[in-house]
PDB file of all heavy atoms in Angstrom:
ATOM      1  N   SER A   1      93.335 -21.500  53.230  1.00  0.00           N
ATOM      2  CA  SER A   1      93.938 -22.126  52.050  1.00  0.00           C
ATOM      3  C   SER A   1      94.720 -21.109  51.239  1.00  0.00           C
ATOM      4  O   SER A   1      95.817 -21.380  50.768  1.00  0.00           O
ATOM      5  CB  SER A   1      92.866 -22.769  51.166  1.00  0.00           C
ATOM      6  OG  SER A   1      92.273 -23.838  51.837  1.00  0.00           O
ATOM      7  N   MET A   2      94.155 -19.917  51.074  1.00  0.00           N
ATOM      8  CA  MET A   2      94.837 -18.873  50.308  1.00  0.00           C
ATOM      9  C   MET A   2      96.134 -18.471  51.003  1.00  0.00           C
ATOM     10  O   MET A   2      97.165 -18.305  50.361  1.00  0.00           O
ATOM     11  CB  MET A   2      93.920 -17.662  50.142  1.00  0.00           C
ATOM     12  CG  MET A   2      94.465 -16.614  49.218  1.00  0.00           C
ATOM     13  SD  MET A   2      94.529 -17.239  47.529  1.00  0.00           S
ATOM     14  CE  MET A   2      95.829 -16.229  46.872  1.00  0.00           C
ATOM     15  N   ALA A   3      96.089 -18.338  52.323  1.00  0.00           N
ATOM     16  CA  ALA A   3      97.284 -17.956  53.069  1.00  0.00           C
ATOM     17  C   ALA A   3      98.356 -19.041  53.002  1.00  0.00           C
ATOM     18  O   ALA A   3      99.547 -18.750  53.035  1.00  0.00           O
ATOM     19  CB  ALA A   3      96.921 -17.663  54.519  1.00  0.00           C
ATOM     20  N   ALA A   4      97.947 -20.302  52.880  1.00  0.00           N
ATOM     21  CA  ALA A   4      98.887 -21.417  52.877  1.00  0.00           C
ATOM     22  C   ALA A   4      99.520 -21.674  51.504  1.00  0.00           C
ATOM     23  O   ALA A   4     100.509 -22.387  51.416  1.00  0.00           O
ATOM     24  CB  ALA A   4      98.186 -22.687  53.355  1.00  0.00           C
ATOM     25  N   LEU A   5      98.955 -21.097  50.451  1.00  0.00           N
ATOM     26  CA  LEU A   5      99.500 -21.349  49.122  1.00  0.00           C
ATOM     27  C   LEU A   5     100.899 -20.775  48.998  1.00  0.00           C
ATOM     28  O   LEU A   5     101.180 -19.669  49.448  1.00  0.00           O
ATOM     29  CB  LEU A   5      98.601 -20.728  48.044  1.00  0.00           C
ATOM     30  CG  LEU A   5      97.251 -21.378  47.830  1.00  0.00           C
ATOM     31  CD1 LEU A   5      96.485 -20.624  46.752  1.00  0.00           C
ATOM     32  CD2 LEU A   5      97.391 -22.843  47.454  1.00  0.00           C
ATOM     33  N   GLY A   6     101.756 -21.533  48.353  1.00  0.00           N
ATOM     34  CA  GLY A   6     103.108 -21.053  48.098  1.00  0.00           C
ATOM     35  C   GLY A   6     103.109 -20.000  47.008  1.00  0.00           C
ATOM     36  O   GLY A   6     102.129 -19.814  46.284  1.00  0.00           O
ATOM     37  N   ASP A   7     104.218 -19.275  46.921  1.00  0.00           N
ATOM     38  CA  ASP A   7     104.363 -18.262  45.871  1.00  0.00           C
ATOM     39  C   ASP A   7     104.510 -18.938  44.520  1.00  0.00           C
ATOM     40  O   ASP A   7     105.261 -19.900  44.369  1.00  0.00           O
ATOM     41  CB  ASP A   7     105.589 -17.389  46.137  1.00  0.00           C
ATOM     42  CG  ASP A   7     105.408 -16.502  47.351  1.00  0.00           C
ATOM     43  OD1 ASP A   7     104.255 -16.191  47.673  1.00  0.00           O
ATOM     44  OD2 ASP A   7     106.425 -16.135  47.958  1.00  0.00           O
ATOM     45  N   HIS A   8     103.774 -18.429  43.556  1.00  0.00           N
ATOM     46  CA  HIS A   8     103.847 -18.939  42.190  1.00  0.00           C
ATOM     47  C   HIS A   8     103.303 -17.852  41.280  1.00  0.00           C
ATOM     48  O   HIS A   8     102.168 -17.420  41.441  1.00  0.00           O
ATOM     49  CB  HIS A   8     103.012 -20.215  42.050  1.00  0.00           C
ATOM     50  CG  HIS A   8     103.052 -20.812  40.678  1.00  0.00           C
ATOM     51  ND1 HIS A   8     104.126 -21.538  40.233  1.00  0.00           N
ATOM     52  CD2 HIS A   8     102.176 -20.780  39.659  1.00  0.00           C
ATOM     53  CE1 HIS A   8     103.891 -21.935  38.988  1.00  0.00           C
ATOM     54  NE2 HIS A   8     102.706 -21.481  38.628  1.00  0.00           N
ATOM     55  N   THR A   9     104.098 -17.412  40.346  1.00  0.00           N
ATOM     56  CA  THR A   9     103.642 -16.349  39.455  1.00  0.00           C
ATOM     57  C   THR A   9     103.174 -16.880  38.117  1.00  0.00           C
ATOM     58  O   THR A   9     102.623 -16.139  37.325  1.00  0.00           O
ATOM     59  CB  THR A   9     104.762 -15.311  39.220  1.00  0.00           C
ATOM     60  OG1 THR A   9     105.902 -15.993  38.688  1.00  0.00           O
ATOM     61  CG2 THR A   9     105.125 -14.605  40.504  1.00  0.00           C
ATOM     62  N   GLY A  10     103.370 -18.152  37.849  1.00  0.00           N
ATOM     63  CA  GLY A  10     102.964 -18.736  36.577  1.00  0.00           C
ATOM     64  C   GLY A  10     101.495 -19.116  36.576  1.00  0.00           C
ATOM     65  O   GLY A  10     100.736 -18.791  37.483  1.00  0.00           O
ATOM     66  N   PRO A  11     101.070 -19.835  35.549  1.00  0.00           N
ATOM     67  CA  PRO A  11      99.670 -20.263  35.436  1.00  0.00           C
ATOM     68  C   PRO A  11      99.245 -21.147  36.605  1.00  0.00           C
ATOM     69  O   PRO A  11     100.027 -21.963  37.085  1.00  0.00           O
ATOM     70  CB  PRO A  11      99.637 -21.043  34.130  1.00  0.00           C
ATOM     71  CG  PRO A  11     100.878 -20.690  33.404  1.00  0.00           C
ATOM     72  CD  PRO A  11     101.883 -20.286  34.419  1.00  0.00           C
ATOM     73  N   THR A  12      97.995 -20.967  37.028  1.00  0.00           N
ATOM     74  CA  THR A  12      97.453 -21.738  38.143  1.00  0.00           C
ATOM     75  C   THR A  12      96.065 -22.260  37.790  1.00  0.00           C
ATOM     76  O   THR A  12      95.219 -21.519  37.300  1.00  0.00           O
ATOM     77  CB  THR A  12      97.357 -20.870  39.416  1.00  0.00           C
ATOM     78  OG1 THR A  12      98.675 -20.468  39.791  1.00  0.00           O
ATOM     79  CG2 THR A  12      96.716 -21.624  40.560  1.00  0.00           C
ATOM     80  N   ILE A  13      95.865 -23.535  38.056  1.00  0.00           N
ATOM     81  CA  ILE A  13      94.553 -24.166  37.902  1.00  0.00           C
ATOM     82  C   ILE A  13      93.982 -24.369  39.300  1.00  0.00           C
ATOM     83  O   ILE A  13      94.633 -24.965  40.158  1.00  0.00           O
ATOM     84  CB  ILE A  13      94.666 -25.528  37.192  1.00  0.00           C
ATOM     85  CG1 ILE A  13      95.184 -25.351  35.778  1.00  0.00           C
ATOM     86  CG2 ILE A  13      93.310 -26.245  37.204  1.00  0.00           C
ATOM     87  CD1 ILE A  13      95.521 -26.658  35.074  1.00  0.00           C
ATOM     88  N   LEU A  14      92.793 -23.860  39.540  1.00  0.00           N
ATOM     89  CA  LEU A  14      92.092 -24.078  40.801  1.00  0.00           C
ATOM     90  C   LEU A  14      91.086 -25.195  40.568  1.00  0.00           C
ATOM     91  O   LEU A  14      90.095 -25.016  39.861  1.00  0.00           O
ATOM     92  CB  LEU A  14      91.393 -22.794  41.258  1.00  0.00           C
ATOM     93  CG  LEU A  14      90.612 -22.887  42.560  1.00  0.00           C
ATOM     94  CD1 LEU A  14      91.519 -23.300  43.720  1.00  0.00           C
ATOM     95  CD2 LEU A  14      89.918 -21.573  42.858  1.00  0.00           C
ATOM     96  N   ASP A  15      91.357 -26.363  41.134  1.00  0.00           N
ATOM     97  CA  ASP A  15      90.532 -27.550  40.923  1.00  0.00           C
ATOM     98  C   ASP A  15      89.496 -27.673  42.036  1.00  0.00           C
ATOM     99  O   ASP A  15      89.830 -27.971  43.182  1.00  0.00           O
ATOM    100  CB  ASP A  15      91.424 -28.793  40.872  1.00  0.00           C
ATOM    101  CG  ASP A  15      90.655 -30.067  40.618  1.00  0.00           C
ATOM    102  OD1 ASP A  15      89.448 -29.992  40.285  1.00  0.00           O
ATOM    103  OD2 ASP A  15      91.255 -31.146  40.745  1.00  0.00           O
ATOM    104  N   LEU A  16      88.239 -27.436  41.685  1.00  0.00           N
ATOM    105  CA  LEU A  16      87.130 -27.520  42.644  1.00  0.00           C
ATOM    106  C   LEU A  16      86.301 -28.787  42.450  1.00  0.00           C
ATOM    107  O   LEU A  16      85.186 -28.880  42.953  1.00  0.00           O
ATOM    108  CB  LEU A  16      86.223 -26.294  42.488  1.00  0.00           C
ATOM    109  CG  LEU A  16      86.887 -24.931  42.618  1.00  0.00           C
ATOM    110  CD1 LEU A  16      85.858 -23.824  42.397  1.00  0.00           C
ATOM    111  CD2 LEU A  16      87.581 -24.790  43.953  1.00  0.00           C
ATOM    112  N   THR A  17      86.846 -29.754  41.721  1.00  0.00           N
ATOM    113  CA  THR A  17      86.106 -30.970  41.371  1.00  0.00           C
ATOM    114  C   THR A  17      85.531 -31.674  42.584  1.00  0.00           C
ATOM    115  O   THR A  17      84.398 -32.139  42.561  1.00  0.00           O
ATOM    116  CB  THR A  17      87.022 -31.935  40.590  1.00  0.00           C
ATOM    117  OG1 THR A  17      87.500 -31.262  39.425  1.00  0.00           O
ATOM    118  CG2 THR A  17      86.278 -33.188  40.182  1.00  0.00           C
ATOM    119  N   ASP A  18      86.303 -31.760  43.661  1.00  0.00           N
ATOM    120  CA  ASP A  18      85.873 -32.506  44.846  1.00  0.00           C
ATOM    121  C   ASP A  18      85.590 -31.606  46.037  1.00  0.00           C
ATOM    122  O   ASP A  18      85.739 -32.012  47.184  1.00  0.00           O
ATOM    123  CB  ASP A  18      86.939 -33.543  45.220  1.00  0.00           C
ATOM    124  CG  ASP A  18      87.117 -34.582  44.128  1.00  0.00           C
ATOM    125  OD1 ASP A  18      86.090 -35.051  43.597  1.00  0.00           O
ATOM    126  OD2 ASP A  18      88.268 -34.897  43.789  1.00  0.00           O
ATOM    127  N   LEU A  19      85.169 -30.364  45.766  1.00  0.00           N
ATOM    128  CA  LEU A  19      84.912 -29.405  46.836  1.00  0.00           C
ATOM    129  C   LEU A  19      83.425 -29.106  46.944  1.00  0.00           C
ATOM    130  O   LEU A  19      82.745 -28.912  45.943  1.00  0.00           O
ATOM    131  CB  LEU A  19      85.662 -28.094  46.563  1.00  0.00           C
ATOM    132  CG  LEU A  19      85.480 -26.990  47.590  1.00  0.00           C
ATOM    133  CD1 LEU A  19      86.181 -27.364  48.901  1.00  0.00           C
ATOM    134  CD2 LEU A  19      86.030 -25.681  47.065  1.00  0.00           C
ATOM    135  N   THR A  20      82.949 -29.039  48.171  1.00  0.00           N
ATOM    136  CA  THR A  20      81.602 -28.567  48.460  1.00  0.00           C
ATOM    137  C   THR A  20      81.738 -27.227  49.161  1.00  0.00           C
ATOM    138  O   THR A  20      82.396 -27.139  50.202  1.00  0.00           O
ATOM    139  CB  THR A  20      80.853 -29.558  49.375  1.00  0.00           C
ATOM    140  OG1 THR A  20      80.800 -30.824  48.722  1.00  0.00           O
ATOM    141  CG2 THR A  20      79.449 -29.067  49.673  1.00  0.00           C
ATOM    142  N   LEU A  21      81.151 -26.188  48.579  1.00  0.00           N
ATOM    143  CA  LEU A  21      81.256 -24.838  49.148  1.00  0.00           C
ATOM    144  C   LEU A  21      80.070 -24.553  50.054  1.00  0.00           C
ATOM    145  O   LEU A  21      78.934 -24.839  49.707  1.00  0.00           O
ATOM    146  CB  LEU A  21      81.279 -23.799  48.027  1.00  0.00           C
ATOM    147  CG  LEU A  21      82.520 -23.819  47.154  1.00  0.00           C
ATOM    148  CD1 LEU A  21      82.307 -22.921  45.942  1.00  0.00           C
ATOM    149  CD2 LEU A  21      83.729 -23.365  47.930  1.00  0.00           C
ATOM    150  N   VAL A  22      80.367 -23.950  51.195  1.00  0.00           N
ATOM    151  CA  VAL A  22      79.297 -23.546  52.102  1.00  0.00           C
ATOM    152  C   VAL A  22      79.463 -22.086  52.510  1.00  0.00           C
ATOM    153  O   VAL A  22      78.887 -21.648  53.492  1.00  0.00           O
ATOM    154  CB  VAL A  22      79.233 -24.461  53.353  1.00  0.00           C
ATOM    155  CG1 VAL A  22      78.813 -25.854  52.964  1.00  0.00           C
ATOM    156  CG2 VAL A  22      80.562 -24.472  54.094  1.00  0.00           C
ATOM    157  N   GLY A  23      80.256 -21.319  51.752  1.00  0.00           N
ATOM    158  CA  GLY A  23      80.476 -19.909  52.067  1.00  0.00           C
ATOM    159  C   GLY A  23      80.483 -19.074  50.804  1.00  0.00           C
ATOM    160  O   GLY A  23      80.392 -19.596  49.694  1.00  0.00           O
ATOM    161  N   GLY A  24      80.609 -17.767  50.972  1.00  0.00           N
ATOM    162  CA  GLY A  24      80.545 -16.859  49.841  1.00  0.00           C
ATOM    163  C   GLY A  24      81.869 -16.238  49.445  1.00  0.00           C
ATOM    164  O   GLY A  24      81.887 -15.278  48.683  1.00  0.00           O
ATOM    165  N   GLU A  25      82.992 -16.750  49.939  1.00  0.00           N
ATOM    166  CA  GLU A  25      84.299 -16.141  49.706  1.00  0.00           C
ATOM    167  C   GLU A  25      84.995 -16.621  48.433  1.00  0.00           C
ATOM    168  O   GLU A  25      86.128 -16.230  48.178  1.00  0.00           O
ATOM    169  CB  GLU A  25      85.227 -16.420  50.896  1.00  0.00           C
ATOM    170  CG  GLU A  25      84.839 -15.692  52.152  1.00  0.00           C
ATOM    171  CD  GLU A  25      85.196 -14.218  52.087  1.00  0.00           C
ATOM    172  OE1 GLU A  25      86.288 -13.874  51.611  1.00  0.00           O
ATOM    173  OE2 GLU A  25      84.359 -13.410  52.519  1.00  0.00           O
ATOM    174  N   LEU A  26      84.362 -17.439  47.621  1.00  0.00           N
ATOM    175  CA  LEU A  26      85.034 -18.008  46.458  1.00  0.00           C
ATOM    176  C   LEU A  26      85.519 -16.936  45.490  1.00  0.00           C
ATOM    177  O   LEU A  26      86.644 -17.003  44.989  1.00  0.00           O
ATOM    178  CB  LEU A  26      84.125 -18.996  45.733  1.00  0.00           C
ATOM    179  CG  LEU A  26      84.765 -19.695  44.530  1.00  0.00           C
ATOM    180  CD1 LEU A  26      85.948 -20.536  44.977  1.00  0.00           C
ATOM    181  CD2 LEU A  26      83.747 -20.550  43.810  1.00  0.00           C
ATOM    182  N   ASP A  27      84.709 -15.936  45.237  1.00  0.00           N
ATOM    183  CA  ASP A  27      85.104 -14.886  44.304  1.00  0.00           C
ATOM    184  C   ASP A  27      86.348 -14.148  44.805  1.00  0.00           C
ATOM    185  O   ASP A  27      87.258 -13.859  44.041  1.00  0.00           O
ATOM    186  CB  ASP A  27      83.957 -13.901  44.071  1.00  0.00           C
ATOM    187  CG  ASP A  27      84.296 -12.885  42.994  1.00  0.00           C
ATOM    188  OD1 ASP A  27      84.840 -13.282  41.946  1.00  0.00           O
ATOM    189  OD2 ASP A  27      84.037 -11.686  43.210  1.00  0.00           O
ATOM    190  N   ARG A  28      86.405 -13.860  46.089  1.00  0.00           N
ATOM    191  CA  ARG A  28      87.579 -13.198  46.667  1.00  0.00           C
ATOM    192  C   ARG A  28      88.813 -14.095  46.564  1.00  0.00           C
ATOM    193  O   ARG A  28      89.904 -13.650  46.245  1.00  0.00           O
ATOM    194  CB  ARG A  28      87.317 -12.831  48.117  1.00  0.00           C
ATOM    195  CG  ARG A  28      88.519 -12.116  48.746  1.00  0.00           C
ATOM    196  CD  ARG A  28      88.224 -11.611  50.120  1.00  0.00           C
ATOM    197  NE  ARG A  28      87.279 -10.505  49.987  1.00  0.00           N
ATOM    198  CZ  ARG A  28      86.424 -10.157  50.917  1.00  0.00           C
ATOM    199  NH1 ARG A  28      86.367 -10.809  52.048  1.00  0.00           N
ATOM    200  NH2 ARG A  28      85.606  -9.146  50.737  1.00  0.00           N
ATOM    201  N   PHE A  29      88.640 -15.383  46.828  1.00  0.00           N
ATOM    202  CA  PHE A  29      89.734 -16.359  46.728  1.00  0.00           C
ATOM    203  C   PHE A  29      90.286 -16.377  45.304  1.00  0.00           C
ATOM    204  O   PHE A  29      91.494 -16.274  45.085  1.00  0.00           O
ATOM    205  CB  PHE A  29      89.215 -17.742  47.127  1.00  0.00           C
ATOM    206  CG  PHE A  29      90.260 -18.813  47.184  1.00  0.00           C
ATOM    207  CD1 PHE A  29      90.974 -19.037  48.350  1.00  0.00           C
ATOM    208  CD2 PHE A  29      90.523 -19.609  46.084  1.00  0.00           C
ATOM    209  CE1 PHE A  29      91.928 -20.034  48.415  1.00  0.00           C
ATOM    210  CE2 PHE A  29      91.473 -20.602  46.140  1.00  0.00           C
ATOM    211  CZ  PHE A  29      92.177 -20.818  47.317  1.00  0.00           C
ATOM    212  N   ILE A  30      89.404 -16.479  44.314  1.00  0.00           N
ATOM    213  CA  ILE A  30      89.826 -16.497  42.915  1.00  0.00           C
ATOM    214  C   ILE A  30      90.450 -15.155  42.536  1.00  0.00           C
ATOM    215  O   ILE A  30      91.463 -15.114  41.832  1.00  0.00           O
ATOM    216  CB  ILE A  30      88.646 -16.863  41.995  1.00  0.00           C
ATOM    217  CG1 ILE A  30      88.257 -18.333  42.224  1.00  0.00           C
ATOM    218  CG2 ILE A  30      88.990 -16.624  40.527  1.00  0.00           C
ATOM    219  CD1 ILE A  30      86.998 -18.770  41.528  1.00  0.00           C
ATOM    220  N   GLY A  31      89.887 -14.067  43.013  1.00  0.00           N
ATOM    221  CA  GLY A  31      90.449 -12.750  42.731  1.00  0.00           C
ATOM    222  C   GLY A  31      91.875 -12.610  43.235  1.00  0.00           C
ATOM    223  O   GLY A  31      92.744 -12.045  42.551  1.00  0.00           O
ATOM    224  N   ARG A  32      92.149 -13.128  44.426  1.00  0.00           N
ATOM    225  CA  ARG A  32      93.524 -13.074  44.959  1.00  0.00           C
ATOM    226  C   ARG A  32      94.460 -13.924  44.117  1.00  0.00           C
ATOM    227  O   ARG A  32      95.615 -13.548  43.906  1.00  0.00           O
ATOM    228  CB  ARG A  32      93.539 -13.510  46.414  1.00  0.00           C
ATOM    229  CG  ARG A  32      92.885 -12.441  47.300  1.00  0.00           C
ATOM    230  CD  ARG A  32      93.024 -12.708  48.751  1.00  0.00           C
ATOM    231  NE  ARG A  32      94.438 -12.675  49.144  1.00  0.00           N
ATOM    232  CZ  ARG A  32      94.878 -13.188  50.280  1.00  0.00           C
ATOM    233  NH1 ARG A  32      94.031 -13.750  51.118  1.00  0.00           N
ATOM    234  NH2 ARG A  32      96.154 -13.138  50.585  1.00  0.00           N
ATOM    235  N   LEU A  33      93.994 -15.073  43.626  1.00  0.00           N
ATOM    236  CA  LEU A  33      94.822 -15.883  42.727  1.00  0.00           C
ATOM    237  C   LEU A  33      95.104 -15.120  41.432  1.00  0.00           C
ATOM    238  O   LEU A  33      96.234 -15.095  40.947  1.00  0.00           O
ATOM    239  CB  LEU A  33      94.143 -17.212  42.394  1.00  0.00           C
ATOM    240  CG  LEU A  33      94.236 -18.317  43.425  1.00  0.00           C
ATOM    241  CD1 LEU A  33      93.441 -19.533  42.952  1.00  0.00           C
ATOM    242  CD2 LEU A  33      95.676 -18.695  43.698  1.00  0.00           C
ATOM    243  N   ILE A  34      94.068 -14.490  40.878  1.00  0.00           N
ATOM    244  CA  ILE A  34      94.230 -13.745  39.629  1.00  0.00           C
ATOM    245  C   ILE A  34      95.235 -12.613  39.818  1.00  0.00           C
ATOM    246  O   ILE A  34      96.080 -12.367  38.946  1.00  0.00           O
ATOM    247  CB  ILE A  34      92.868 -13.207  39.141  1.00  0.00           C
ATOM    248  CG1 ILE A  34      92.007 -14.362  38.634  1.00  0.00           C
ATOM    249  CG2 ILE A  34      93.051 -12.154  38.038  1.00  0.00           C
ATOM    250  CD1 ILE A  34      90.567 -13.988  38.348  1.00  0.00           C
ATOM    251  N   ASP A  35      95.189 -11.947  40.956  1.00  0.00           N
ATOM    252  CA  ASP A  35      96.104 -10.837  41.228  1.00  0.00           C
ATOM    253  C   ASP A  35      97.549 -11.288  41.404  1.00  0.00           C
ATOM    254  O   ASP A  35      98.475 -10.524  41.149  1.00  0.00           O
ATOM    255  CB  ASP A  35      95.664 -10.064  42.472  1.00  0.00           C
ATOM    256  CG  ASP A  35      94.364  -9.309  42.253  1.00  0.00           C
ATOM    257  OD1 ASP A  35      93.982  -9.097  41.083  1.00  0.00           O
ATOM    258  OD2 ASP A  35      93.725  -8.950  43.264  1.00  0.00           O
TER     259      ASP A  35
END
């Protein structure tokens, strides 16, 4: 998902409302968005 995201330098909302997580990579995913 992170690799598929388009380039965007403005504000980003990560909507996890309908997501079920089964892994531990969420912090890294959010960190890459923040960067």
